[in-house]
Amino acid sequence: MQIRRRIKLQARQVLGTIARLNIFWRTIFLSVLIGSVTGFFVYLIERVVYRLLFLTLYNTAFKNHLVVILIPMIGVLAARFILSTGRVDNAGGTEEIIKSYHEFRGKVPLRNALYKLPAYIATLGFGGSAGLEGASTYIGGVVSSIVDRTFGWLRLPYEEQRVMLLAGAAAGLSAMFKAPFTGAIFVLQVPYRSDIAPNALVPTLISSVSSYIVMVSLAGTAPLFSLAAKAQFHFKDFLSVLVIGLVCGGLTTLFIRIYRTTKKWFSQGRGRLGPRPVLAALILGLTGYIATKAYGEALPLGPGYIFIQHLLTGNTPIEMAIVLFFLKAIAVIFTFSAGGIGGSFFPLLCLGAATGSVVAQMAGLEPYDFGVVMGMSAFLAAGYKTPLAAVVFIAEATHSSGYLIPGLIGTVVSYVVSGSTSISTHQRDREDIHLANRFHLPVRNAMIRNVVSVPSDIPLLEFREHFIFRHLHRIYPVTEDTPGGPHLLGIFSLYDLDRFPPDTWEKTTVGEAMVTSVVTVTADEPILNAIAKMNEKDLEFLPVIDNEKNRRLVGGITRTDVFQGEWASLL
């Protein structure tokens, strides 16, 4: 009996090692594939939509005071018509990724891409005030979903599908901004306001680097912005950074509230091209007209690269910076209110740049672009609740690491001042369970079926060597074999192992050390019951049994499973 048990354990050990190696290389392969393909398509989007279409219009047609009103109007209304025809919302790429991550098991609906991609081209190419990163992150999500479908025979678990979705989004952001670290850090932070996405660090880094390599191979390594490097900081600089953080935090909160209220009102209009969206499109066009009339350029229109670079030159008086802030804010709000689609990442950077410009001039900061860059990071951190990504971005986008420390100070201040306000409506506070969600589907739809269980008669030393080091789980159901299947006896965890001195591990069995008072849930109970039990006892894992009489172990359920299990697609 002893020999048979040891053979069984050795077999599990070998199979577990092979499985982990397969998962490791599979993750690397898929991450590189997703990153490389995404990088190539982002390059095409950047070249065709921005350089060929938008810049051509910006440098020629937008000089005409009438045309600069009409072309952006046509773009956003065309996007609205396309999306409404396909009955698709105008959520930008980042928002689509967050929603798919939380609600659709990491899969972007591919049908929607047939409508969203043309809508992106219409909005961004014709002067809509939205970020190109919206299109690039969406492309990354679409690529990850296509790869998942193409390699369906791998049968990726839903958690890995979610990770690959983030890898695709990171690749899109990395390629568009030539900022691989920003791409990875941003998509890790953006699903949650106060947490980061679990188990996704390595895949997002690999995909970000892969897409970056493809992008710079085709487009060069020049930084996104050029500015003077600041070598030394003074106490006055840090005080100015604090002020920039405070102002950006407050303005971000105000901007997001106005943005949501305005967009909601305009979205209530009837018809695909009713009077409300037409009015919103007209207001968008007028921002370009006003800027062209006053400053010779339609600075509020488009993704915002020209807007920010103009502020970085130092030739923008305070009055002009204030006017540009309001024009850009209005242009962004009415681009989305009219039905346009795009990213919010870069619009937040633009508003932060204008804010930082005003504070920098009032404080007499040298060089001038220091305040502009600090404002960019502070506004982004407050708007998306991504302080780390905001700081890393300014370093990568300018090729200047000297802004990291003051940038971190400004982002922390703006993050705190803005509270829980976020431009994303699908962000969650953290990877947690909320009783307000009414989940009435049975637990069997969300549970893990292949649960690693531990025999009750093995010594703790053997448990440590053959289970902890092999499977890396924290909690294990303890079972005994019966004709009807594994019978649940108790639960044993790493915390229980720590209660026993190492010199007793060889003689003490798991059955003697396990916790016998186990909170369980049956496979037929509603998921709501599992949520209640987890929250009541603050548990991470529940064993799933067939019924209370037999207590046959049929699976397990975790907090993540409750949110993202197979049942999610049925809601």
Protein backbone atom coordinates (compact mmCIF):
# COMPACT_ATOMS: atom_id res chain seq x y z
CA MET A 1 0.00 0.00 0.00
CA GLN A 2 2.88 2.32 0.91
CA ILE A 3 4.67 1.57 -2.40
CA ARG A 4 1.49 2.15 -4.36
CA ARG A 5 0.95 5.52 -2.72
CA ARG A 6 4.54 6.59 -3.42
CA ILE A 7 4.23 5.59 -7.09
CA LYS A 8 1.04 7.63 -7.28
CA LEU A 9 2.76 10.66 -5.75
CA GLN A 10 5.75 10.35 -8.08
CA ALA A 11 3.44 10.16 -11.09
CA ARG A 12 1.64 13.31 -9.94
CA GLN A 13 4.99 15.00 -9.47
CA VAL A 14 6.19 14.18 -13.01
CA LEU A 15 2.89 15.16 -14.63
CA GLY A 16 2.79 18.38 -12.63
CA THR A 17 6.30 19.32 -13.76
CA ILE A 18 5.45 18.64 -17.43
CA ALA A 19 2.25 20.66 -17.15
CA ARG A 20 4.06 23.61 -15.61
CA LEU A 21 6.75 23.55 -18.32
CA ASN A 22 4.06 23.46 -21.00
CA ILE A 23 2.25 26.40 -19.40
CA PHE A 24 5.51 28.37 -19.13
CA TRP A 25 6.49 27.96 -22.79
CA ARG A 26 2.91 28.37 -23.93
CA THR A 27 2.68 31.69 -22.11
CA ILE A 28 5.92 32.93 -23.66
CA PHE A 29 4.90 31.83 -27.17
CA LEU A 30 1.44 33.40 -27.00
CA SER A 31 2.78 36.63 -25.45
CA VAL A 32 5.43 37.03 -28.16
CA LEU A 33 2.92 36.21 -30.90
CA ILE A 34 0.29 38.63 -29.61
CA GLY A 35 2.85 41.37 -29.05
CA SER A 36 4.47 41.03 -32.47
CA VAL A 37 1.21 40.94 -34.44
CA THR A 38 -0.23 43.82 -32.43
CA GLY A 39 2.92 45.90 -32.93
CA PHE A 40 2.67 45.52 -36.70
CA PHE A 41 -1.01 46.50 -36.88
CA VAL A 42 -0.50 49.44 -34.52
CA TYR A 43 2.27 50.64 -36.84
CA LEU A 44 -0.19 50.52 -39.75
CA ILE A 45 -2.84 52.42 -37.78
CA GLU A 46 -0.36 55.08 -36.69
CA ARG A 47 0.96 55.54 -40.23
CA VAL A 48 -2.36 55.50 -42.07
CA VAL A 49 -4.79 57.10 -39.62
CA TYR A 50 -2.52 59.63 -37.95
CA ARG A 51 0.27 60.50 -40.38
CA LEU A 52 -1.41 59.95 -43.73
CA LEU A 53 -4.98 61.01 -42.91
CA PHE A 54 -5.03 63.33 -39.89
CA LEU A 55 -1.75 65.19 -40.42
CA THR A 56 -2.60 65.77 -44.08
CA LEU A 57 -5.92 67.33 -43.08
CA TYR A 58 -4.36 69.23 -40.18
CA ASN A 59 -1.66 70.84 -42.31
CA THR A 60 -3.91 71.68 -45.27
CA ALA A 61 -7.70 71.55 -44.96
CA PHE A 62 -7.82 72.60 -41.30
CA LYS A 63 -6.38 76.00 -42.24
CA ASN A 64 -9.76 76.80 -43.78
CA HIS A 65 -12.09 78.17 -41.10
CA LEU A 66 -15.17 76.45 -42.50
CA VAL A 67 -13.58 73.10 -43.28
CA VAL A 68 -12.06 72.85 -39.80
CA ILE A 69 -15.62 72.80 -38.45
CA LEU A 70 -17.11 70.39 -40.99
CA ILE A 71 -14.48 67.63 -41.16
CA PRO A 72 -14.45 66.74 -37.42
CA MET A 73 -18.26 66.86 -37.49
CA ILE A 74 -18.33 64.41 -40.38
CA GLY A 75 -15.85 62.13 -38.61
CA VAL A 76 -17.65 61.76 -35.29
CA LEU A 77 -21.11 61.55 -36.85
CA ALA A 78 -19.88 58.90 -39.27
CA ALA A 79 -18.49 56.98 -36.30
CA ARG A 80 -21.83 57.30 -34.52
CA PHE A 81 -23.69 56.05 -37.60
CA ILE A 82 -21.36 53.06 -38.02
CA LEU A 83 -21.59 52.05 -34.36
CA SER A 84 -25.36 52.48 -34.16
CA THR A 85 -25.77 50.43 -37.35
CA GLY A 86 -23.95 47.56 -35.70
CA ARG A 87 -25.63 48.26 -32.34
CA VAL A 88 -22.22 48.68 -30.74
CA ASP A 89 -21.38 51.14 -27.96
CA ASN A 90 -18.66 53.78 -28.30
CA ALA A 91 -16.56 52.58 -25.37
CA GLY A 92 -12.91 53.28 -26.12
CA GLY A 93 -10.22 50.64 -26.31
CA THR A 94 -9.12 50.81 -22.69
CA GLU A 95 -12.71 50.74 -21.48
CA GLU A 96 -13.45 47.79 -23.76
CA ILE A 97 -10.46 45.92 -22.35
CA ILE A 98 -11.50 46.56 -18.74
CA LYS A 99 -15.07 45.47 -19.47
CA SER A 100 -13.95 42.31 -21.28
CA TYR A 101 -11.51 41.51 -18.49
CA HIS A 102 -14.16 41.70 -15.80
CA GLU A 103 -17.27 40.51 -17.60
CA PHE A 104 -16.42 38.45 -20.68
CA ARG A 105 -13.65 36.14 -19.47
CA GLY A 106 -10.98 38.09 -21.32
CA LYS A 107 -12.60 37.88 -24.76
CA VAL A 108 -13.32 40.87 -26.97
CA PRO A 109 -16.44 40.27 -29.14
CA LEU A 110 -14.90 39.93 -32.61
CA ARG A 111 -18.12 40.90 -34.37
CA ASN A 112 -17.86 44.37 -32.83
CA ALA A 113 -14.46 44.90 -34.45
CA LEU A 114 -16.13 45.10 -37.86
CA TYR A 115 -17.82 48.30 -36.69
CA LYS A 116 -15.40 49.70 -34.15
CA LEU A 117 -12.29 49.76 -36.34
CA PRO A 118 -13.95 51.88 -39.09
CA ALA A 119 -15.40 54.09 -36.34
CA TYR A 120 -11.91 54.61 -34.91
CA ILE A 121 -10.61 55.60 -38.34
CA ALA A 122 -13.46 58.07 -38.86
CA THR A 123 -13.07 59.67 -35.43
CA LEU A 124 -9.28 59.84 -35.18
CA GLY A 125 -8.46 60.42 -38.83
CA PHE A 126 -10.92 63.31 -39.22
CA GLY A 127 -9.87 65.28 -36.15
CA GLY A 128 -11.90 63.89 -33.27
CA SER A 129 -10.32 64.83 -29.96
CA ALA A 130 -9.51 61.33 -28.68
CA GLY A 131 -6.42 59.23 -28.16
CA LEU A 132 -4.89 56.88 -30.72
CA GLU A 133 -4.15 54.49 -27.87
CA GLY A 134 -7.86 53.68 -27.80
CA ALA A 135 -7.49 52.05 -31.20
CA SER A 136 -4.15 50.43 -30.36
CA THR A 137 -5.29 48.80 -27.12
CA TYR A 138 -8.47 47.62 -28.84
CA ILE A 139 -6.40 46.08 -31.63
CA GLY A 140 -4.33 44.29 -28.99
CA GLY A 141 -7.50 42.92 -27.41
CA VAL A 142 -8.84 41.77 -30.78
CA VAL A 143 -5.53 40.08 -31.62
CA SER A 144 -5.53 38.24 -28.27
CA SER A 145 -9.09 37.01 -28.89
CA ILE A 146 -8.22 35.86 -32.42
CA VAL A 147 -5.14 34.04 -31.11
CA ASP A 148 -7.27 32.38 -28.43
CA ARG A 149 -9.74 31.22 -31.07
CA THR A 150 -6.99 30.11 -33.49
CA PHE A 151 -5.28 28.06 -30.81
CA GLY A 152 -8.54 26.79 -29.35
CA TRP A 153 -7.08 23.29 -29.13
CA LEU A 154 -4.90 24.56 -26.27
CA ARG A 155 -8.10 25.04 -24.24
CA LEU A 156 -6.77 28.02 -22.33
CA PRO A 157 -8.42 28.40 -18.93
CA TYR A 158 -10.44 31.59 -18.57
CA GLU A 159 -7.88 33.10 -16.18
CA GLU A 160 -5.19 32.71 -18.83
CA GLN A 161 -7.52 34.21 -21.43
CA ARG A 162 -7.85 37.28 -19.23
CA VAL A 163 -4.08 37.51 -18.89
CA MET A 164 -3.62 37.26 -22.66
CA LEU A 165 -6.19 40.04 -23.10
CA LEU A 166 -4.07 42.30 -20.90
CA ALA A 167 -0.97 41.20 -22.80
CA GLY A 168 -2.61 42.34 -26.04
CA ALA A 169 -3.67 45.67 -24.56
CA ALA A 170 -0.17 46.22 -23.17
CA ALA A 171 1.31 45.49 -26.59
CA GLY A 172 -0.99 48.03 -28.21
CA LEU A 173 -0.09 50.77 -25.75
CA SER A 174 3.61 49.90 -25.87
CA ALA A 175 3.76 50.13 -29.66
CA MET A 176 1.75 53.33 -29.96
CA PHE A 177 3.83 55.22 -27.39
CA LYS A 178 7.13 53.34 -27.85
CA ALA A 179 6.91 52.76 -24.12
CA PRO A 180 7.01 49.03 -23.22
CA PHE A 181 7.17 49.46 -19.46
CA THR A 182 4.26 51.90 -19.51
CA GLY A 183 2.20 49.46 -21.54
CA ALA A 184 2.73 46.66 -19.04
CA ILE A 185 2.29 48.74 -15.89
CA PHE A 186 -0.78 50.60 -17.18
CA VAL A 187 -2.78 47.50 -18.09
CA LEU A 188 -1.85 45.87 -14.78
CA GLN A 189 -3.19 48.87 -12.88
CA VAL A 190 -6.16 49.99 -14.97
CA PRO A 191 -8.66 47.14 -14.22
CA TYR A 192 -8.73 48.24 -10.56
CA ARG A 193 -8.68 51.57 -8.75
CA SER A 194 -6.80 50.23 -5.72
CA ASP A 195 -5.21 47.00 -6.90
CA ILE A 196 -3.35 45.38 -9.78
CA ALA A 197 -4.35 42.50 -12.02
CA PRO A 198 -2.97 39.19 -10.70
CA ASN A 199 -0.73 36.73 -12.59
CA ALA A 200 -0.22 39.03 -15.58
CA LEU A 201 3.15 40.72 -15.03
CA VAL A 202 5.39 38.45 -17.11
CA PRO A 203 3.02 38.02 -20.11
CA THR A 204 2.38 41.77 -20.33
CA LEU A 205 6.09 42.57 -20.15
CA ILE A 206 6.91 40.01 -22.86
CA SER A 207 4.15 41.21 -25.19
CA SER A 208 5.05 44.87 -24.56
CA VAL A 209 8.70 44.30 -25.42
CA SER A 210 7.75 42.26 -28.50
CA SER A 211 5.45 44.95 -29.87
CA TYR A 212 8.00 47.66 -29.04
CA ILE A 213 10.70 45.85 -31.01
CA VAL A 214 8.40 45.53 -34.03
CA MET A 215 7.37 49.20 -33.80
CA VAL A 216 10.86 50.69 -33.47
CA SER A 217 12.14 48.39 -36.21
CA LEU A 218 9.62 49.99 -38.55
CA ALA A 219 9.33 53.53 -37.17
CA GLY A 220 12.59 54.25 -35.33
CA THR A 221 13.37 54.85 -31.65
CA ALA A 222 12.76 58.61 -31.43
CA PRO A 223 10.94 59.57 -28.20
CA LEU A 224 7.32 60.67 -28.29
CA PHE A 225 8.25 64.18 -27.09
CA SER A 226 11.42 66.25 -27.17
CA LEU A 227 12.26 68.48 -24.22
CA ALA A 228 15.12 69.84 -22.18
CA ALA A 229 16.60 67.46 -19.62
CA LYS A 230 16.44 68.82 -16.07
CA ALA A 231 19.51 67.77 -14.15
CA GLN A 232 18.96 69.37 -10.76
CA PHE A 233 15.92 69.97 -8.56
CA HIS A 234 15.42 72.63 -5.93
CA PHE A 235 13.01 72.89 -3.03
CA LYS A 236 10.91 75.34 -5.04
CA ASP A 237 10.50 72.67 -7.72
CA PHE A 238 9.05 70.18 -5.26
CA LEU A 239 6.65 72.76 -3.85
CA SER A 240 5.53 73.46 -7.40
CA VAL A 241 5.04 69.74 -7.99
CA LEU A 242 2.81 69.57 -4.91
CA VAL A 243 0.74 72.46 -6.24
CA ILE A 244 0.49 70.81 -9.67
CA GLY A 245 -0.66 67.58 -8.02
CA LEU A 246 -3.31 69.40 -5.98
CA VAL A 247 -4.63 71.38 -8.93
CA CYS A 248 -4.62 68.41 -11.31
CA GLY A 249 -6.40 66.21 -8.76
CA GLY A 250 -9.17 68.77 -8.32
CA LEU A 251 -9.51 69.56 -12.02
CA THR A 252 -9.60 65.88 -12.95
CA THR A 253 -12.53 65.27 -10.61
CA LEU A 254 -14.40 68.27 -12.01
CA PHE A 255 -13.65 67.34 -15.62
CA ILE A 256 -14.84 63.74 -15.23
CA ARG A 257 -18.10 64.83 -13.61
CA ILE A 258 -18.84 67.29 -16.41
CA TYR A 259 -17.77 64.73 -19.01
CA ARG A 260 -20.14 62.06 -17.69
CA THR A 261 -23.09 64.42 -17.24
CA THR A 262 -22.72 65.92 -20.70
CA LYS A 263 -22.21 62.59 -22.44
CA LYS A 264 -25.26 61.12 -20.69
CA TRP A 265 -27.49 64.01 -21.78
CA PHE A 266 -26.38 63.89 -25.41
CA SER A 267 -26.66 60.10 -25.58
CA GLN A 268 -30.37 60.32 -24.73
CA GLY A 269 -31.20 61.87 -28.08
CA ARG A 270 -33.34 59.89 -30.51
CA GLY A 271 -32.16 58.59 -33.84
CA ARG A 272 -28.75 57.80 -35.19
CA LEU A 273 -28.09 61.38 -36.27
CA GLY A 274 -30.56 63.36 -34.18
CA PRO A 275 -30.22 67.02 -33.18
CA ARG A 276 -28.26 66.32 -29.99
CA PRO A 277 -25.33 64.46 -31.57
CA VAL A 278 -25.26 66.99 -34.43
CA LEU A 279 -25.08 69.82 -31.88
CA ALA A 280 -22.28 68.04 -30.03
CA ALA A 281 -20.39 67.55 -33.29
CA LEU A 282 -20.83 71.23 -34.14
CA ILE A 283 -19.39 72.28 -30.78
CA LEU A 284 -16.41 70.00 -31.42
CA GLY A 285 -15.81 71.66 -34.78
CA LEU A 286 -16.11 75.13 -33.25
CA THR A 287 -13.23 74.42 -30.86
CA GLY A 288 -11.02 73.88 -33.90
CA TYR A 289 -12.39 77.03 -35.52
CA ILE A 290 -11.70 79.18 -32.44
CA ALA A 291 -8.16 77.85 -32.06
CA THR A 292 -7.40 78.32 -35.76
CA LYS A 293 -8.78 81.85 -35.69
CA ALA A 294 -6.83 82.80 -32.57
CA TYR A 295 -3.58 80.84 -32.87
CA GLY A 296 -3.35 79.72 -36.50
CA GLU A 297 -3.68 76.00 -35.67
CA ALA A 298 -6.54 73.65 -34.73
CA LEU A 299 -4.67 72.58 -31.58
CA PRO A 300 -7.65 71.05 -29.68
CA LEU A 301 -8.39 68.61 -32.51
CA GLY A 302 -6.77 65.24 -33.01
CA PRO A 303 -4.99 62.87 -30.64
CA GLY A 304 -2.99 65.61 -28.92
CA TYR A 305 0.65 65.09 -29.91
CA ILE A 306 0.84 68.54 -31.52
CA PHE A 307 -1.06 70.06 -28.59
CA ILE A 308 1.45 68.78 -26.03
CA GLN A 309 4.55 69.50 -28.12
CA HIS A 310 3.29 73.07 -28.58
CA LEU A 311 3.09 73.49 -24.80
CA LEU A 312 6.55 71.96 -24.35
CA THR A 313 8.15 74.59 -26.58
CA GLY A 314 7.69 77.27 -23.93
CA ASN A 315 6.08 79.77 -26.29
CA THR A 316 2.63 79.54 -24.72
CA PRO A 317 1.57 82.49 -22.51
CA ILE A 318 -0.53 81.78 -19.41
CA GLU A 319 -3.68 83.17 -21.00
CA MET A 320 -3.23 80.96 -24.06
CA ALA A 321 -2.57 77.87 -21.92
CA ILE A 322 -5.79 78.49 -19.99
CA VAL A 323 -7.80 78.93 -23.20
CA LEU A 324 -6.26 75.79 -24.69
CA PHE A 325 -7.17 73.83 -21.56
CA PHE A 326 -10.84 74.76 -21.91
CA LEU A 327 -10.89 74.24 -25.67
CA LYS A 328 -9.30 70.80 -25.33
CA ALA A 329 -11.65 69.81 -22.49
CA ILE A 330 -14.67 70.88 -24.56
CA ALA A 331 -13.34 69.10 -27.65
CA VAL A 332 -12.83 65.85 -25.73
CA ILE A 333 -16.23 65.97 -24.06
CA PHE A 334 -18.13 66.65 -27.27
CA THR A 335 -16.14 64.16 -29.35
CA PHE A 336 -17.52 61.37 -27.18
CA SER A 337 -20.91 63.05 -26.69
CA ALA A 338 -21.39 63.18 -30.46
CA GLY A 339 -20.68 59.46 -30.75
CA GLY A 340 -16.98 59.43 -31.56
CA ILE A 341 -14.71 56.68 -30.27
CA GLY A 342 -11.11 56.75 -29.07
CA GLY A 343 -8.86 56.68 -26.05
CA SER A 344 -8.97 58.85 -22.93
CA PHE A 345 -5.31 58.33 -21.99
CA PHE A 346 -3.92 61.06 -24.23
CA PRO A 347 -6.70 63.60 -23.67
CA LEU A 348 -5.92 63.42 -19.95
CA LEU A 349 -2.25 64.02 -20.75
CA CYS A 350 -3.19 67.10 -22.80
CA LEU A 351 -5.28 68.61 -20.01
CA GLY A 352 -2.49 67.92 -17.55
CA ALA A 353 0.06 69.52 -19.85
CA ALA A 354 -1.99 72.73 -20.06
CA THR A 355 -2.47 72.77 -16.28
CA GLY A 356 1.23 72.21 -15.65
CA SER A 357 2.08 74.95 -18.14
CA VAL A 358 0.04 77.50 -16.19
CA VAL A 359 1.52 76.53 -12.81
CA ALA A 360 5.06 76.39 -14.23
CA GLN A 361 4.82 79.93 -15.56
CA MET A 362 3.30 81.26 -12.36
CA ALA A 363 6.04 79.61 -10.29
CA GLY A 364 8.83 80.56 -12.68
CA LEU A 365 10.03 76.98 -13.13
CA GLU A 366 13.12 76.37 -15.24
CA PRO A 367 13.15 74.72 -17.67
CA TYR A 368 9.57 75.51 -18.52
CA ASP A 369 8.72 72.03 -19.79
CA PHE A 370 9.28 70.58 -16.30
CA GLY A 371 5.86 71.77 -15.13
CA VAL A 372 4.19 70.59 -18.33
CA VAL A 373 5.50 67.05 -17.86
CA MET A 374 4.56 67.01 -14.16
CA GLY A 375 1.03 68.06 -15.08
CA MET A 376 0.77 65.27 -17.64
CA SER A 377 1.65 62.56 -15.14
CA ALA A 378 -0.53 64.02 -12.36
CA PHE A 379 -3.65 64.34 -14.53
CA LEU A 380 -3.27 60.84 -15.94
CA ALA A 381 -2.75 59.31 -12.49
CA ALA A 382 -5.87 61.01 -11.15
CA GLY A 383 -8.00 60.24 -14.19
CA TYR A 384 -7.25 56.56 -14.57
CA LYS A 385 -6.05 55.71 -11.03
CA THR A 386 -2.71 54.54 -12.43
CA PRO A 387 0.01 56.44 -10.52
CA LEU A 388 2.88 54.10 -11.38
CA ALA A 389 2.06 53.99 -15.08
CA ALA A 390 1.79 57.79 -15.19
CA VAL A 391 5.28 58.23 -13.74
CA VAL A 392 6.87 55.57 -15.94
CA PHE A 393 5.22 57.06 -19.03
CA ILE A 394 6.83 60.49 -18.69
CA ALA A 395 10.24 58.85 -18.35
CA GLU A 396 9.77 56.63 -21.41
CA ALA A 397 8.01 59.20 -23.59
CA THR A 398 10.77 61.78 -23.04
CA HIS A 399 13.78 59.44 -22.61
CA SER A 400 14.46 61.30 -19.36
CA SER A 401 14.57 59.38 -16.08
CA GLY A 402 15.21 62.57 -14.12
CA TYR A 403 11.48 63.24 -13.90
CA LEU A 404 10.68 60.04 -12.00
CA ILE A 405 10.96 61.28 -8.40
CA PRO A 406 9.17 64.64 -8.76
CA GLY A 407 6.65 62.93 -11.03
CA LEU A 408 5.94 60.34 -8.36
CA ILE A 409 5.29 63.10 -5.81
CA GLY A 410 2.85 64.86 -8.12
CA THR A 411 0.99 61.69 -9.08
CA VAL A 412 0.56 60.56 -5.48
CA VAL A 413 -0.87 63.95 -4.51
CA SER A 414 -3.27 64.07 -7.47
CA TYR A 415 -4.28 60.44 -6.91
CA VAL A 416 -5.19 61.16 -3.28
CA VAL A 417 -6.95 64.47 -4.01
CA SER A 418 -9.12 62.95 -6.76
CA GLY A 419 -10.34 60.17 -4.46
CA SER A 420 -12.17 57.31 -6.14
CA THR A 421 -13.17 59.33 -9.21
CA SER A 422 -12.11 57.61 -12.44
CA ILE A 423 -12.85 58.23 -16.09
CA SER A 424 -13.49 54.49 -16.45
CA THR A 425 -16.95 53.23 -15.54
CA HIS A 426 -15.93 49.55 -15.50
CA GLN A 427 -12.99 49.77 -13.13
CA ARG A 428 -13.43 47.93 -9.84
CA ASP A 429 -11.95 48.89 -6.50
CA ARG A 430 -10.04 45.63 -6.15
CA GLU A 431 -10.14 41.91 -6.88
CA ASP A 432 -12.92 41.23 -4.42
CA ILE A 433 -16.46 40.02 -4.05
CA HIS A 434 -19.46 42.30 -3.56
CA LEU A 435 -22.70 40.95 -2.13
CA ALA A 436 -24.65 43.45 -4.19
CA ASN A 437 -24.12 41.26 -7.26
CA ARG A 438 -26.97 38.76 -7.52
CA PHE A 439 -25.56 35.55 -8.87
CA HIS A 440 -28.26 32.91 -9.11
CA LEU A 441 -26.54 30.40 -11.36
CA PRO A 442 -25.31 27.18 -9.71
CA VAL A 443 -21.79 26.93 -8.33
CA ARG A 444 -20.96 24.13 -10.77
CA ASN A 445 -20.85 26.75 -13.55
CA ALA A 446 -18.00 28.67 -11.90
CA MET A 447 -16.07 26.03 -9.98
CA ILE A 448 -12.67 24.50 -10.76
CA ARG A 449 -13.20 20.81 -11.48
CA ASN A 450 -9.63 19.53 -11.33
CA VAL A 451 -8.77 20.36 -7.74
CA VAL A 452 -5.49 19.14 -6.24
CA SER A 453 -6.40 17.21 -3.07
CA VAL A 454 -4.13 15.68 -0.43
CA PRO A 455 -4.39 12.14 1.04
CA SER A 456 -4.95 12.26 4.78
CA ASP A 457 -2.32 9.64 5.64
CA ILE A 458 0.82 11.25 4.21
CA PRO A 459 3.35 12.91 6.58
CA LEU A 460 3.68 16.70 6.64
CA LEU A 461 7.21 16.40 5.26
CA GLU A 462 5.92 14.52 2.23
CA PHE A 463 3.13 17.09 1.83
CA ARG A 464 5.71 19.87 1.78
CA GLU A 465 7.92 18.18 -0.79
CA HIS A 466 5.30 16.74 -3.14
CA PHE A 467 2.51 19.31 -2.96
CA ILE A 468 3.68 22.76 -1.86
CA PHE A 469 6.82 22.77 -3.99
CA ARG A 470 5.05 21.18 -6.95
CA HIS A 471 1.66 22.87 -7.11
CA LEU A 472 2.38 26.17 -5.30
CA HIS A 473 -1.15 26.37 -3.88
CA ARG A 474 -1.87 27.74 -0.43
CA ILE A 475 -4.94 25.65 0.41
CA TYR A 476 -5.59 21.94 -0.22
CA PRO A 477 -8.70 19.80 0.42
CA VAL A 478 -7.87 16.63 2.36
CA THR A 479 -9.59 13.51 1.03
CA GLU A 480 -9.73 9.74 1.24
CA ASP A 481 -10.48 7.45 -1.69
CA THR A 482 -13.89 5.77 -1.66
CA PRO A 483 -15.78 3.75 -4.31
CA GLY A 484 -17.91 6.83 -5.01
CA GLY A 485 -14.91 9.15 -5.43
CA PRO A 486 -12.77 11.33 -3.12
CA HIS A 487 -14.49 11.92 0.24
CA LEU A 488 -13.77 15.31 1.82
CA LEU A 489 -12.27 15.05 5.32
CA GLY A 490 -10.91 18.53 5.92
CA ILE A 491 -8.69 21.38 4.73
CA PHE A 492 -4.96 21.83 5.10
CA SER A 493 -3.03 25.00 4.23
CA LEU A 494 0.40 26.54 4.49
CA TYR A 495 -0.74 28.34 7.61
CA ASP A 496 -1.62 25.01 9.25
CA LEU A 497 1.81 23.64 8.36
CA ASP A 498 3.46 26.57 10.14
CA ARG A 499 1.72 25.55 13.38
CA PHE A 500 3.92 22.46 13.64
CA PRO A 501 7.68 22.50 14.31
CA PRO A 502 9.75 21.12 11.38
CA ASP A 503 11.12 18.30 13.53
CA THR A 504 7.57 16.85 13.83
CA TRP A 505 6.80 16.89 10.10
CA GLU A 506 8.08 13.37 9.49
CA LYS A 507 5.83 11.75 12.10
CA THR A 508 2.71 13.94 11.93
CA THR A 509 0.23 13.16 9.14
CA VAL A 510 -1.94 15.61 7.26
CA GLY A 511 -5.01 13.93 8.75
CA GLU A 512 -3.78 14.74 12.26
CA ALA A 513 -2.98 18.36 11.41
CA MET A 514 -5.88 19.28 9.12
CA VAL A 515 -8.83 21.50 9.95
CA THR A 516 -11.94 19.33 10.11
CA SER A 517 -14.49 22.11 10.51
CA VAL A 518 -14.71 23.01 6.83
CA VAL A 519 -17.01 25.55 5.22
CA THR A 520 -18.26 23.97 2.00
CA VAL A 521 -20.73 24.68 -0.76
CA THR A 522 -22.63 22.19 -2.90
CA ALA A 523 -22.45 22.22 -6.68
CA ASP A 524 -26.17 22.99 -6.97
CA GLU A 525 -26.20 25.98 -4.61
CA PRO A 526 -26.40 29.43 -6.21
CA ILE A 527 -23.15 31.34 -6.56
CA LEU A 528 -24.62 33.95 -4.23
CA ASN A 529 -24.32 31.42 -1.37
CA ALA A 530 -20.63 30.94 -2.12
CA ILE A 531 -20.13 34.71 -2.07
CA ALA A 532 -21.89 35.00 1.29
CA LYS A 533 -19.84 32.21 2.87
CA MET A 534 -16.56 33.64 1.59
CA ASN A 535 -17.35 37.11 2.87
CA GLU A 536 -18.70 35.88 6.20
CA LYS A 537 -15.57 33.85 7.03
CA ASP A 538 -13.10 35.90 4.93
CA LEU A 539 -12.15 32.82 2.91
CA GLU A 540 -10.25 32.58 -0.38
CA PHE A 541 -11.32 29.05 -1.33
CA LEU A 542 -14.34 26.80 -0.80
CA PRO A 543 -14.40 23.04 -1.50
CA VAL A 544 -17.39 22.08 -3.63
CA ILE A 545 -19.15 18.83 -2.67
CA ASP A 546 -21.97 16.88 -4.31
CA ASN A 547 -24.17 16.98 -1.20
CA GLU A 548 -23.87 17.23 2.57
CA LYS A 549 -24.53 13.52 3.08
CA ASN A 550 -21.87 12.01 0.82
CA ARG A 551 -19.42 14.96 0.94
CA ARG A 552 -17.80 13.78 -2.28
CA LEU A 553 -15.34 16.41 -3.52
CA VAL A 554 -16.33 17.53 -7.02
CA GLY A 555 -14.39 20.80 -7.31
CA GLY A 556 -13.42 24.06 -5.69
CA ILE A 557 -14.23 27.73 -6.06
CA THR A 558 -12.14 30.85 -5.41
CA ARG A 559 -12.89 34.54 -5.26
CA THR A 560 -11.62 35.03 -8.81
CA ASP A 561 -13.79 32.15 -10.03
CA VAL A 562 -16.88 33.83 -8.61
CA PHE A 563 -16.21 36.90 -10.75
CA GLN A 564 -14.77 35.27 -13.85
CA GLY A 565 -16.00 31.68 -14.04
CA GLU A 566 -17.78 30.01 -16.94
CA TRP A 567 -21.09 31.39 -15.65
CA ALA A 568 -19.97 34.95 -16.49
CA SER A 569 -20.75 34.46 -20.17
CA LEU A 570 -24.28 33.39 -19.28
CA LEU A 571 -25.23 36.52 -17.38
